[in-house]
N, C-alpha and C. Protein backbone atom coordinates (compact mmCIF):
# COMPACT_ATOMS: atom_id res chain seq x y z
N UNK A 1 135.69 74.96 79.98
CA UNK A 1 135.33 75.78 81.11
C UNK A 1 134.07 75.17 81.79
N UNK A 2 134.17 75.01 83.08
CA UNK A 2 133.06 74.46 83.86
C UNK A 2 132.20 75.62 84.33
N UNK A 3 130.93 75.62 83.91
CA UNK A 3 130.02 76.70 84.29
C UNK A 3 129.43 76.40 85.68
N UNK A 4 129.10 75.16 85.89
CA UNK A 4 128.46 74.76 87.15
C UNK A 4 129.40 73.90 87.96
N UNK A 5 129.45 74.18 89.23
CA UNK A 5 130.24 73.33 90.17
C UNK A 5 129.25 72.62 91.07
N UNK A 6 129.38 71.28 91.11
CA UNK A 6 128.46 70.51 92.01
C UNK A 6 128.63 70.98 93.42
N UNK A 7 129.85 71.21 93.86
CA UNK A 7 130.12 71.61 95.23
C UNK A 7 129.44 72.94 95.53
N UNK A 8 129.54 73.89 94.58
CA UNK A 8 128.95 75.20 94.78
C UNK A 8 127.42 75.13 94.85
N UNK A 9 126.84 74.33 93.98
CA UNK A 9 125.41 74.15 93.97
C UNK A 9 124.93 73.55 95.30
N UNK A 10 125.58 72.53 95.77
CA UNK A 10 125.21 71.87 97.01
C UNK A 10 125.39 72.81 98.20
N UNK A 11 126.53 73.46 98.29
CA UNK A 11 126.81 74.36 99.41
C UNK A 11 125.84 75.56 99.46
N UNK A 12 125.46 76.06 98.28
CA UNK A 12 124.50 77.18 98.28
C UNK A 12 123.03 76.74 98.45
N UNK A 13 122.72 75.59 97.95
CA UNK A 13 121.32 75.12 97.98
C UNK A 13 120.90 74.54 99.32
N UNK A 14 121.80 73.77 99.96
CA UNK A 14 121.44 73.11 101.20
C UNK A 14 120.95 73.99 102.29
N UNK A 15 121.63 75.12 102.61
CA UNK A 15 121.12 75.97 103.65
C UNK A 15 119.75 76.62 103.29
N UNK A 16 119.57 76.95 102.04
CA UNK A 16 118.29 77.55 101.61
C UNK A 16 117.19 76.54 101.68
N UNK A 17 117.44 75.33 101.25
CA UNK A 17 116.45 74.26 101.34
C UNK A 17 116.12 73.88 102.78
N UNK A 18 117.12 73.90 103.64
CA UNK A 18 116.90 73.69 105.08
C UNK A 18 116.02 74.74 105.69
N UNK A 19 116.32 75.97 105.35
CA UNK A 19 115.50 77.10 105.81
C UNK A 19 114.07 76.96 105.26
N UNK A 20 113.97 76.46 104.03
CA UNK A 20 112.65 76.25 103.46
C UNK A 20 111.85 75.24 104.23
N UNK A 21 112.48 74.23 104.72
CA UNK A 21 111.79 73.22 105.56
C UNK A 21 111.24 73.87 106.83
N UNK A 22 112.08 74.70 107.44
CA UNK A 22 111.61 75.38 108.67
C UNK A 22 110.47 76.33 108.37
N UNK A 23 110.54 77.04 107.26
CA UNK A 23 109.45 77.91 106.86
C UNK A 23 108.20 77.15 106.54
N UNK A 24 108.35 76.00 105.87
CA UNK A 24 107.19 75.14 105.58
C UNK A 24 106.53 74.67 106.89
N UNK A 25 107.34 74.36 107.87
CA UNK A 25 106.77 73.99 109.19
C UNK A 25 105.92 75.15 109.77
N UNK A 26 106.42 76.37 109.53
CA UNK A 26 105.65 77.56 110.00
C UNK A 26 104.36 77.66 109.27
N UNK A 27 104.33 77.33 108.00
CA UNK A 27 103.05 77.35 107.20
C UNK A 27 102.11 76.28 107.77
N UNK A 28 102.66 75.12 108.10
CA UNK A 28 101.80 74.07 108.71
C UNK A 28 101.25 74.47 110.03
N UNK A 29 102.10 75.13 110.84
CA UNK A 29 101.61 75.60 112.15
C UNK A 29 100.54 76.66 111.97
N UNK A 30 100.73 77.54 111.01
CA UNK A 30 99.68 78.57 110.74
C UNK A 30 98.37 77.90 110.35
N UNK A 31 98.48 76.90 109.49
CA UNK A 31 97.25 76.17 109.14
C UNK A 31 96.60 75.53 110.34
N UNK A 32 97.41 74.89 111.14
CA UNK A 32 96.92 74.21 112.35
C UNK A 32 96.22 75.23 113.28
N UNK A 33 96.80 76.41 113.42
CA UNK A 33 96.21 77.40 114.28
C UNK A 33 94.94 78.04 113.69
N UNK A 34 94.70 77.78 112.42
CA UNK A 34 93.49 78.29 111.73
C UNK A 34 92.40 77.28 111.61
N UNK A 35 92.53 76.17 112.34
CA UNK A 35 91.60 75.06 112.17
C UNK A 35 90.13 75.45 112.50
N UNK A 36 89.91 76.40 113.44
CA UNK A 36 88.58 76.79 113.76
C UNK A 36 87.92 77.41 112.53
N UNK A 37 88.59 78.35 111.88
CA UNK A 37 88.09 78.99 110.68
C UNK A 37 87.91 77.99 109.55
N UNK A 38 88.87 77.10 109.43
CA UNK A 38 88.83 76.11 108.37
C UNK A 38 87.67 75.12 108.57
N UNK A 39 87.43 74.74 109.82
CA UNK A 39 86.32 73.79 110.08
C UNK A 39 84.97 74.44 109.83
N UNK A 40 84.88 75.76 109.99
CA UNK A 40 83.64 76.44 109.68
C UNK A 40 83.41 76.59 108.19
N UNK A 41 84.48 76.71 107.43
CA UNK A 41 84.41 76.82 105.96
C UNK A 41 85.38 75.80 105.35
N UNK A 42 85.02 74.53 105.26
CA UNK A 42 85.95 73.52 104.74
C UNK A 42 86.47 73.80 103.33
N UNK A 43 85.76 74.61 102.56
CA UNK A 43 86.24 74.91 101.21
C UNK A 43 87.55 75.68 101.19
N UNK A 44 87.93 76.22 102.32
CA UNK A 44 89.21 76.90 102.45
C UNK A 44 90.32 75.91 102.07
N UNK A 45 90.11 74.65 102.44
CA UNK A 45 91.12 73.63 102.14
C UNK A 45 91.33 73.47 100.64
N UNK A 46 90.28 73.77 99.85
CA UNK A 46 90.40 73.75 98.38
C UNK A 46 91.19 74.94 97.89
N UNK A 47 91.05 76.06 98.58
CA UNK A 47 91.65 77.29 98.08
C UNK A 47 93.15 77.43 98.43
N UNK A 48 93.57 76.80 99.54
CA UNK A 48 94.95 76.93 100.02
C UNK A 48 95.97 76.41 98.98
N UNK A 49 95.80 75.21 98.48
CA UNK A 49 96.83 74.75 97.47
C UNK A 49 96.78 75.59 96.21
N UNK A 50 95.61 76.09 95.85
CA UNK A 50 95.49 76.93 94.66
C UNK A 50 96.23 78.24 94.84
N UNK A 51 95.98 78.95 95.92
CA UNK A 51 96.63 80.23 96.10
C UNK A 51 98.14 80.04 96.27
N UNK A 52 98.56 79.04 97.00
CA UNK A 52 99.99 78.79 97.20
C UNK A 52 100.66 78.31 95.90
N UNK A 53 99.99 77.40 95.24
CA UNK A 53 100.59 76.90 93.97
C UNK A 53 100.73 77.96 92.90
N UNK A 54 99.71 78.76 92.73
CA UNK A 54 99.79 79.82 91.76
C UNK A 54 100.83 80.85 92.16
N UNK A 55 100.86 81.23 93.44
CA UNK A 55 101.89 82.18 93.91
C UNK A 55 103.28 81.66 93.67
N UNK A 56 103.49 80.37 94.01
CA UNK A 56 104.82 79.77 93.79
C UNK A 56 105.19 79.72 92.34
N UNK A 57 104.21 79.40 91.48
CA UNK A 57 104.52 79.33 90.05
C UNK A 57 104.83 80.71 89.48
N UNK A 58 104.09 81.73 89.89
CA UNK A 58 104.32 83.08 89.41
C UNK A 58 105.72 83.54 89.88
N UNK A 59 106.03 83.28 91.14
CA UNK A 59 107.35 83.64 91.65
C UNK A 59 108.49 82.90 90.99
N UNK A 60 108.26 81.65 90.70
CA UNK A 60 109.29 80.84 90.01
C UNK A 60 109.52 81.33 88.61
N UNK A 61 108.48 81.67 87.89
CA UNK A 61 108.64 82.23 86.55
C UNK A 61 109.41 83.52 86.62
N UNK A 62 108.99 84.43 87.45
CA UNK A 62 109.68 85.70 87.62
C UNK A 62 111.14 85.50 88.04
N UNK A 63 111.32 84.61 89.03
CA UNK A 63 112.71 84.34 89.49
C UNK A 63 113.60 83.81 88.39
N UNK A 64 113.09 82.89 87.62
CA UNK A 64 113.89 82.32 86.51
C UNK A 64 114.26 83.39 85.49
N UNK A 65 113.30 84.26 85.20
CA UNK A 65 113.57 85.33 84.22
C UNK A 65 114.57 86.33 84.76
N UNK A 66 114.43 86.72 86.05
CA UNK A 66 115.35 87.65 86.66
C UNK A 66 116.76 87.10 86.80
N UNK A 67 116.87 85.84 87.22
CA UNK A 67 118.20 85.28 87.38
C UNK A 67 118.90 85.10 86.03
N UNK A 68 118.15 84.75 85.00
CA UNK A 68 118.73 84.68 83.64
C UNK A 68 119.21 86.05 83.23
N UNK A 69 118.40 87.08 83.43
CA UNK A 69 118.78 88.45 83.03
C UNK A 69 119.98 88.93 83.83
N UNK A 70 120.08 88.57 85.09
CA UNK A 70 121.26 88.94 85.89
C UNK A 70 122.51 88.23 85.34
N UNK A 71 122.38 86.96 85.01
CA UNK A 71 123.52 86.19 84.52
C UNK A 71 124.04 86.74 83.17
N UNK A 72 123.13 87.08 82.30
CA UNK A 72 123.57 87.55 80.97
C UNK A 72 123.89 89.07 80.95
N UNK A 73 123.57 89.74 82.03
CA UNK A 73 123.93 91.15 82.15
C UNK A 73 122.91 92.13 81.61
N UNK A 74 121.72 91.68 81.25
CA UNK A 74 120.69 92.61 80.81
C UNK A 74 119.93 93.27 81.97
N UNK A 75 120.24 92.78 83.18
CA UNK A 75 119.66 93.35 84.39
C UNK A 75 120.76 93.54 85.42
N UNK A 76 120.74 94.68 86.05
CA UNK A 76 121.69 94.95 87.17
C UNK A 76 120.89 94.89 88.46
N UNK A 77 121.55 94.50 89.55
CA UNK A 77 120.86 94.34 90.79
C UNK A 77 120.54 95.71 91.52
N UNK A 78 119.68 96.49 90.81
CA UNK A 78 119.25 97.74 91.39
C UNK A 78 117.83 97.98 90.87
N UNK A 79 117.06 98.88 91.55
CA UNK A 79 115.67 99.05 91.19
C UNK A 79 115.44 100.09 90.13
N UNK A 80 116.21 101.12 90.09
CA UNK A 80 115.95 102.24 89.17
C UNK A 80 116.53 102.05 87.82
N UNK A 81 115.81 102.56 86.82
CA UNK A 81 116.31 102.54 85.42
C UNK A 81 116.45 101.17 84.82
N UNK A 82 115.65 100.23 85.27
CA UNK A 82 115.76 98.84 84.77
C UNK A 82 114.49 98.48 83.96
N UNK A 83 114.55 98.64 82.66
CA UNK A 83 113.39 98.35 81.81
C UNK A 83 113.10 96.88 81.84
N UNK A 84 114.11 96.01 81.94
CA UNK A 84 113.89 94.59 82.00
C UNK A 84 113.10 94.23 83.29
N UNK A 85 113.49 94.88 84.37
CA UNK A 85 112.81 94.63 85.66
C UNK A 85 111.36 95.10 85.57
N UNK A 86 111.17 96.32 85.08
CA UNK A 86 109.79 96.85 84.97
C UNK A 86 108.93 96.00 84.09
N UNK A 87 109.45 95.56 82.96
CA UNK A 87 108.68 94.69 82.05
C UNK A 87 108.30 93.37 82.74
N UNK A 88 109.24 92.80 83.47
CA UNK A 88 108.93 91.52 84.15
C UNK A 88 107.91 91.71 85.27
N UNK A 89 108.03 92.83 86.01
CA UNK A 89 107.03 93.12 87.05
C UNK A 89 105.64 93.29 86.42
N UNK A 90 105.60 94.07 85.35
CA UNK A 90 104.32 94.31 84.67
C UNK A 90 103.72 93.01 84.17
N UNK A 91 104.52 92.19 83.55
CA UNK A 91 104.02 90.93 83.02
C UNK A 91 103.50 90.06 84.14
N UNK A 92 104.27 89.97 85.23
CA UNK A 92 103.82 89.15 86.39
C UNK A 92 102.56 89.67 87.00
N UNK A 93 102.41 90.99 87.08
CA UNK A 93 101.20 91.57 87.64
C UNK A 93 99.99 91.26 86.75
N UNK A 94 100.16 91.39 85.45
CA UNK A 94 99.08 91.13 84.52
C UNK A 94 98.66 89.62 84.58
N UNK A 95 99.68 88.78 84.54
CA UNK A 95 99.38 87.33 84.62
C UNK A 95 98.71 87.01 85.97
N UNK A 96 99.17 87.61 87.05
CA UNK A 96 98.55 87.37 88.37
C UNK A 96 97.10 87.79 88.34
N UNK A 97 96.82 88.94 87.83
CA UNK A 97 95.44 89.41 87.80
C UNK A 97 94.55 88.46 86.99
N UNK A 98 95.08 88.08 85.82
CA UNK A 98 94.32 87.19 84.95
C UNK A 98 94.09 85.82 85.60
N UNK A 99 95.11 85.22 86.12
CA UNK A 99 94.99 83.86 86.60
C UNK A 99 94.18 83.79 87.90
N UNK A 100 94.33 84.77 88.78
CA UNK A 100 93.48 84.76 89.99
C UNK A 100 92.03 85.08 89.68
N UNK A 101 91.81 85.92 88.64
CA UNK A 101 90.46 86.16 88.18
C UNK A 101 89.78 84.90 87.64
N UNK A 102 90.52 84.22 86.78
CA UNK A 102 90.01 82.98 86.15
C UNK A 102 89.73 81.95 87.22
N UNK A 103 90.68 81.74 88.13
CA UNK A 103 90.49 80.75 89.19
C UNK A 103 89.36 81.17 90.15
N UNK A 104 89.21 82.46 90.38
CA UNK A 104 88.11 82.96 91.21
C UNK A 104 86.79 82.61 90.57
N UNK A 105 86.68 82.73 89.27
CA UNK A 105 85.45 82.39 88.55
C UNK A 105 85.18 80.87 88.61
N UNK A 106 86.22 80.07 88.43
CA UNK A 106 86.09 78.64 88.57
C UNK A 106 85.57 78.29 89.99
N UNK A 107 86.21 78.89 91.00
CA UNK A 107 85.81 78.60 92.36
C UNK A 107 84.38 79.03 92.63
N UNK A 108 84.01 80.19 92.10
CA UNK A 108 82.61 80.64 92.23
C UNK A 108 81.66 79.61 91.69
N UNK A 109 81.96 79.07 90.53
CA UNK A 109 81.10 78.04 89.94
C UNK A 109 81.06 76.76 90.79
N UNK A 110 82.25 76.36 91.23
CA UNK A 110 82.35 75.13 92.03
C UNK A 110 81.57 75.29 93.32
N UNK A 111 81.79 76.45 93.98
CA UNK A 111 81.08 76.68 95.25
C UNK A 111 79.56 76.67 95.07
N UNK A 112 79.14 77.32 94.01
CA UNK A 112 77.71 77.39 93.73
C UNK A 112 77.12 76.00 93.42
N UNK A 113 77.86 75.22 92.61
CA UNK A 113 77.42 73.89 92.26
C UNK A 113 77.29 73.02 93.52
N UNK A 114 78.17 73.24 94.49
CA UNK A 114 78.13 72.44 95.72
C UNK A 114 76.98 72.81 96.66
N UNK A 115 76.21 73.81 96.26
CA UNK A 115 75.02 74.19 97.03
C UNK A 115 75.20 75.37 97.91
N UNK A 116 76.30 76.05 97.79
CA UNK A 116 76.51 77.29 98.57
C UNK A 116 75.78 78.43 97.89
N UNK A 117 75.19 79.29 98.67
CA UNK A 117 74.42 80.41 98.08
C UNK A 117 75.28 81.29 97.18
N UNK A 118 74.65 82.03 96.32
CA UNK A 118 75.40 82.90 95.39
C UNK A 118 76.22 83.93 96.18
N UNK A 119 75.58 84.53 97.17
CA UNK A 119 76.27 85.55 97.98
C UNK A 119 77.49 85.02 98.70
N UNK A 120 77.31 83.83 99.29
CA UNK A 120 78.47 83.20 100.01
C UNK A 120 79.54 82.75 99.01
N UNK A 121 79.12 82.23 97.85
CA UNK A 121 80.07 81.84 96.84
C UNK A 121 80.87 83.03 96.32
N UNK A 122 80.18 84.18 96.08
CA UNK A 122 80.87 85.38 95.68
C UNK A 122 81.86 85.86 96.72
N UNK A 123 81.45 85.78 98.01
CA UNK A 123 82.38 86.21 99.09
C UNK A 123 83.65 85.31 99.13
N UNK A 124 83.44 84.05 98.99
CA UNK A 124 84.63 83.14 98.98
C UNK A 124 85.51 83.36 97.78
N UNK A 125 84.92 83.55 96.61
CA UNK A 125 85.70 83.80 95.40
C UNK A 125 86.41 85.14 95.50
N UNK A 126 85.77 86.16 96.07
CA UNK A 126 86.41 87.48 96.23
C UNK A 126 87.55 87.36 97.25
N UNK A 127 87.39 86.61 98.31
CA UNK A 127 88.46 86.42 99.27
C UNK A 127 89.65 85.73 98.61
N UNK A 128 89.39 84.76 97.75
CA UNK A 128 90.47 84.11 97.04
C UNK A 128 91.21 85.07 96.15
N UNK A 129 90.46 85.89 95.42
CA UNK A 129 91.07 86.86 94.49
C UNK A 129 91.91 87.91 95.28
N UNK A 130 91.37 88.38 96.37
CA UNK A 130 92.11 89.38 97.20
C UNK A 130 93.40 88.75 97.72
N UNK A 131 93.26 87.53 98.22
CA UNK A 131 94.44 86.84 98.77
C UNK A 131 95.48 86.63 97.65
N UNK A 132 95.03 86.21 96.48
CA UNK A 132 95.96 86.00 95.39
C UNK A 132 96.65 87.26 94.95
N UNK A 133 95.95 88.38 94.88
CA UNK A 133 96.59 89.62 94.46
C UNK A 133 97.56 90.10 95.52
N UNK A 134 97.17 90.03 96.80
CA UNK A 134 98.09 90.42 97.87
C UNK A 134 99.33 89.54 97.86
N UNK A 135 99.12 88.24 97.67
CA UNK A 135 100.27 87.31 97.61
C UNK A 135 101.16 87.68 96.43
N UNK A 136 100.57 88.02 95.31
CA UNK A 136 101.37 88.37 94.10
C UNK A 136 102.28 89.55 94.37
N UNK A 137 101.74 90.56 95.01
CA UNK A 137 102.56 91.74 95.35
C UNK A 137 103.74 91.31 96.22
N UNK A 138 103.46 90.53 97.25
CA UNK A 138 104.53 90.07 98.13
C UNK A 138 105.53 89.17 97.38
N UNK A 139 105.02 88.30 96.54
CA UNK A 139 105.90 87.38 95.79
C UNK A 139 106.82 88.16 94.86
N UNK A 140 106.29 89.20 94.19
CA UNK A 140 107.16 90.02 93.31
C UNK A 140 108.24 90.63 94.13
N UNK A 141 107.93 91.24 95.29
CA UNK A 141 108.94 91.85 96.13
C UNK A 141 109.96 90.86 96.61
N UNK A 142 109.53 89.71 97.11
CA UNK A 142 110.45 88.71 97.63
C UNK A 142 111.34 88.14 96.51
N UNK A 143 110.77 87.94 95.36
CA UNK A 143 111.58 87.42 94.21
C UNK A 143 112.69 88.43 93.83
N UNK A 144 112.32 89.67 93.70
CA UNK A 144 113.30 90.70 93.33
C UNK A 144 114.37 90.80 94.42
N UNK A 145 113.93 90.91 95.66
CA UNK A 145 114.86 91.03 96.77
C UNK A 145 115.81 89.84 96.84
N UNK A 146 115.30 88.62 96.75
CA UNK A 146 116.18 87.46 96.89
C UNK A 146 117.10 87.34 95.68
N UNK A 147 116.64 87.69 94.50
CA UNK A 147 117.53 87.65 93.34
C UNK A 147 118.65 88.65 93.45
N UNK A 148 118.32 89.90 93.81
CA UNK A 148 119.35 90.95 93.91
C UNK A 148 120.31 90.69 95.06
N UNK A 149 119.76 90.34 96.22
CA UNK A 149 120.64 90.11 97.38
C UNK A 149 121.57 88.95 97.16
N UNK A 150 121.06 87.86 96.62
CA UNK A 150 121.93 86.71 96.38
C UNK A 150 122.99 87.01 95.31
N UNK A 151 122.58 87.69 94.25
CA UNK A 151 123.54 88.03 93.19
C UNK A 151 124.61 88.98 93.72
N UNK A 152 124.22 90.02 94.46
CA UNK A 152 125.20 90.94 95.07
C UNK A 152 126.07 90.24 96.05
N UNK A 153 125.59 89.25 96.74
CA UNK A 153 126.33 88.52 97.74
C UNK A 153 127.26 87.43 97.17
N UNK A 154 127.28 87.34 95.87
CA UNK A 154 128.18 86.37 95.22
C UNK A 154 127.58 84.96 95.13
N UNK A 155 126.33 84.79 95.46
CA UNK A 155 125.69 83.53 95.31
C UNK A 155 125.06 83.42 93.95
N UNK A 156 124.87 82.21 93.49
CA UNK A 156 124.15 82.02 92.25
C UNK A 156 122.68 82.06 92.56
N UNK A 157 121.93 83.09 92.07
CA UNK A 157 120.53 83.20 92.41
C UNK A 157 119.72 81.99 91.92
N UNK A 158 120.21 81.25 90.90
CA UNK A 158 119.50 80.02 90.49
C UNK A 158 119.45 79.00 91.64
N UNK A 159 120.37 79.06 92.56
CA UNK A 159 120.36 78.09 93.68
C UNK A 159 119.51 78.52 94.84
N UNK A 160 119.11 79.78 94.93
CA UNK A 160 118.42 80.25 96.13
C UNK A 160 117.03 80.89 95.90
N UNK A 161 116.84 81.51 94.77
CA UNK A 161 115.62 82.33 94.59
C UNK A 161 114.35 81.48 94.67
N UNK A 162 114.25 80.45 93.85
CA UNK A 162 112.99 79.72 93.82
C UNK A 162 112.67 79.01 95.15
N UNK A 163 113.69 78.40 95.83
CA UNK A 163 113.33 77.82 97.16
C UNK A 163 112.85 78.86 98.16
N UNK A 164 113.48 80.04 98.11
CA UNK A 164 113.04 81.12 99.04
C UNK A 164 111.63 81.55 98.68
N UNK A 165 111.38 81.82 97.45
CA UNK A 165 110.06 82.29 96.96
C UNK A 165 108.96 81.31 97.30
N UNK A 166 109.18 80.00 97.05
CA UNK A 166 108.12 79.07 97.30
C UNK A 166 107.87 78.84 98.80
N UNK A 167 108.95 78.82 99.58
CA UNK A 167 108.76 78.59 101.00
C UNK A 167 108.06 79.76 101.67
N UNK A 168 108.57 80.96 101.40
CA UNK A 168 107.96 82.14 102.01
C UNK A 168 106.58 82.36 101.44
N UNK A 169 106.40 82.05 100.15
CA UNK A 169 105.10 82.21 99.50
C UNK A 169 104.05 81.29 100.12
N UNK A 170 104.40 80.13 100.59
CA UNK A 170 103.47 79.22 101.24
C UNK A 170 102.93 79.81 102.56
N UNK A 171 103.83 80.37 103.32
CA UNK A 171 103.39 81.02 104.60
C UNK A 171 102.52 82.22 104.24
N UNK A 172 102.97 83.05 103.32
CA UNK A 172 102.23 84.24 102.97
C UNK A 172 100.91 83.94 102.31
N UNK A 173 100.86 82.84 101.53
CA UNK A 173 99.61 82.45 100.89
C UNK A 173 98.52 82.09 101.88
N UNK A 174 98.91 81.31 102.90
CA UNK A 174 97.95 80.97 103.94
C UNK A 174 97.56 82.21 104.72
N UNK A 175 98.51 83.04 105.01
CA UNK A 175 98.24 84.29 105.78
C UNK A 175 97.32 85.18 104.97
N UNK A 176 97.63 85.41 103.69
CA UNK A 176 96.81 86.29 102.86
C UNK A 176 95.36 85.74 102.72
N UNK A 177 95.24 84.40 102.58
CA UNK A 177 93.92 83.83 102.41
C UNK A 177 93.10 83.97 103.70
N UNK A 178 93.71 83.70 104.85
CA UNK A 178 92.96 83.79 106.09
C UNK A 178 92.60 85.28 106.39
N UNK A 179 93.50 86.20 106.08
CA UNK A 179 93.16 87.59 106.27
C UNK A 179 92.08 88.07 105.30
N UNK A 180 92.14 87.62 104.06
CA UNK A 180 91.12 88.05 103.07
C UNK A 180 89.77 87.50 103.48
N UNK A 181 89.72 86.28 104.02
CA UNK A 181 88.45 85.74 104.49
C UNK A 181 87.88 86.56 105.62
N UNK A 182 88.73 87.02 106.50
CA UNK A 182 88.26 87.88 107.60
C UNK A 182 87.84 89.24 107.06
N UNK A 183 88.57 89.81 106.13
CA UNK A 183 88.24 91.11 105.60
C UNK A 183 86.93 91.08 104.86
N UNK A 184 86.73 90.05 104.02
CA UNK A 184 85.50 89.93 103.27
C UNK A 184 84.31 89.60 104.16
N UNK A 185 84.61 88.95 105.26
CA UNK A 185 83.57 88.58 106.22
C UNK A 185 82.83 87.33 105.83
N UNK A 186 83.55 86.38 105.31
CA UNK A 186 82.94 85.12 104.89
C UNK A 186 82.45 84.32 106.11
């Protein structure tokens, strides 16, 4: 019995990966339109890959777990009464809080070491943490939605969830970071 079909993988993955390219261009455009803010605080360039990378990793881990659970039947594509879903959401939220806290502390130290005042370093680290937590909430929602919609639509969520999560997460990561910087008033 053939579990995977090369044709099916290619036909399902290509459109999603193409859409991911277009979405990545949107993330680049968003960065380009934020150059004034970035030039005022160049350390933003250090935070962007971190917030996006962590968000993509968290979404990929959740996506892999959800798609496996959907395939083996321990998860149904619905929101209510799903202990597997609740457990995975809780685990992702806890990991998100922990990892963005740890990275926020590292950034705080790096910013301070580079000669930035304690108050400004705290503001930047807080903006990073807020952006990361906001991104995590969005990533959890996008991951669940893309897994359930693709599974219900007869697609293999293994072919579509992670590319969707990482592409959309990049745009949202930049957006969350720039908004958090404005909210914190860095």
